[in-house]
Amino acid sequence: MNFELDTEQDLLRKTVRDVLGRAYDAETRAQVAETEEGFKPDVWNQLAELGVLGLPFAEEHGGMAAGPVETMAVMTEIGRALAPEPLLDAVLTPGGLVDALGSDAQRAAILPGLAEGTRKLAFAHDEPGRRWPDTAVATTATQADGQWRLTGTKNPVRAGDAADAFVVSAALPDGGVGLFVVDAAASGVTRTAFHTVDARRGAQVELADAPAEVLGDGGDAAAAIEAAQVRAQAALCAEAVGLMGEALRLTTEYLKQRKQFGAPLARFQALTHRAADMYVALELATSMSLYATMALADGTVDPTIASRAKLQVGRSARLVGQEAIQMHGGIGMTAEYPVGHYVSRLTAIEHTLGSSEDHVRTLARAVAS
């Protein structure tokens, strides 16, 4: 099997790298993190012009009808640049659910705005006290006079601070979990924005008899939610590979420049061995990320494959992150130096959609059964 990007895919990757590389350095990222949006609107618009925001959507909805390989290539570059643009949380995951389950009218009304960068969604599924892989939701959906209404609390809703609408999961009266579109400005919707540990944005969304539109034909959407989480886990793995690659590059450059006892740290055998271990961990993570991506490209949406990839990526991220901090010394923990911010984002990814321990338990149960 060929794991190399073709000419068009490689051009997309290089273009995104160029755009993000010009937009962000350590100082710029720190400044942007303090803004209301938490990312650069002009970069968001550039990504829309390049077609990145519409990658997986059909051309009739302003997209490029691209596959998982292109999406993962872009996510790797977002990780490499530590770019805060919420591509996954505001477009790919909620937009993917609309694309998969929505009616023709809903796709036509929602997806073009996502692709153009004029509209943002957020997937409101996680709830306080529940964690992956728990699929139960306490938010309830009731129907009266042909109108659906939702009641419950969703937290954290990643990228929910600036979303124009939410794709919300709720327990159906007859059992199962349904998906609904809720306007962020609707009555009964209250959101409280917050900053995450990795300088991203999120919100707690409280629904009190909020009016909602059922997504598509309605019914139990548990399988679609699981598939969306599998794709999101693969995207997070790809982003983490980009983050680890840059953390390794920063570390090796530091070892070459920093001197101790009159010699560069790169001359010390123990440190070069540790850097080699970082490289091996990165290669393992890259291979598993490719495994997850190629499975999706072949049409296989398998939670077991996603768990295998997320487990190895999480273990590699822990080793690479810890070694990067250790070999930089005190400077690695300072807010002014970038490596600590890369490790912070890796830590956040580790705890999104299942930690390494969660995936070990999930895989163990699958083997036992």
Foldseek 3Di string as FASTA:
>chain_A
DDLDDDPVLVVLLVVLLVLLVVQDDLVNLVVLLPDPQSADLVSLQVCLVVQNQQDCPDVVLVHDVHALSSLLSNLLSCLLSVGQPPSLFWGVLVVVLLRVAADPVSSNVPRNCRSNSNATEGEFQADPPDAPPDRDDPWAWDDDPRWIFIFDKGPWTFSVPPHQWYFYWHAYPVGAIFTWIAGCPFPQWDWDKDADLLSGITIMIGGDRTTTGTGHPIDHCSVVNLLSLLSSLLSLLSSLLSLLVNLLVVLVVQQCPDDDPRHRNCVDPVLVVLSVVLVVLSVQLVVLSSVSSVCVVVVHRDVLSSLVNLLSSLVSLVSSLVSSDVSVDPVCCDSSDCSVSSSSSSVVSCRPNHHNVRSVVVNVVVVVD
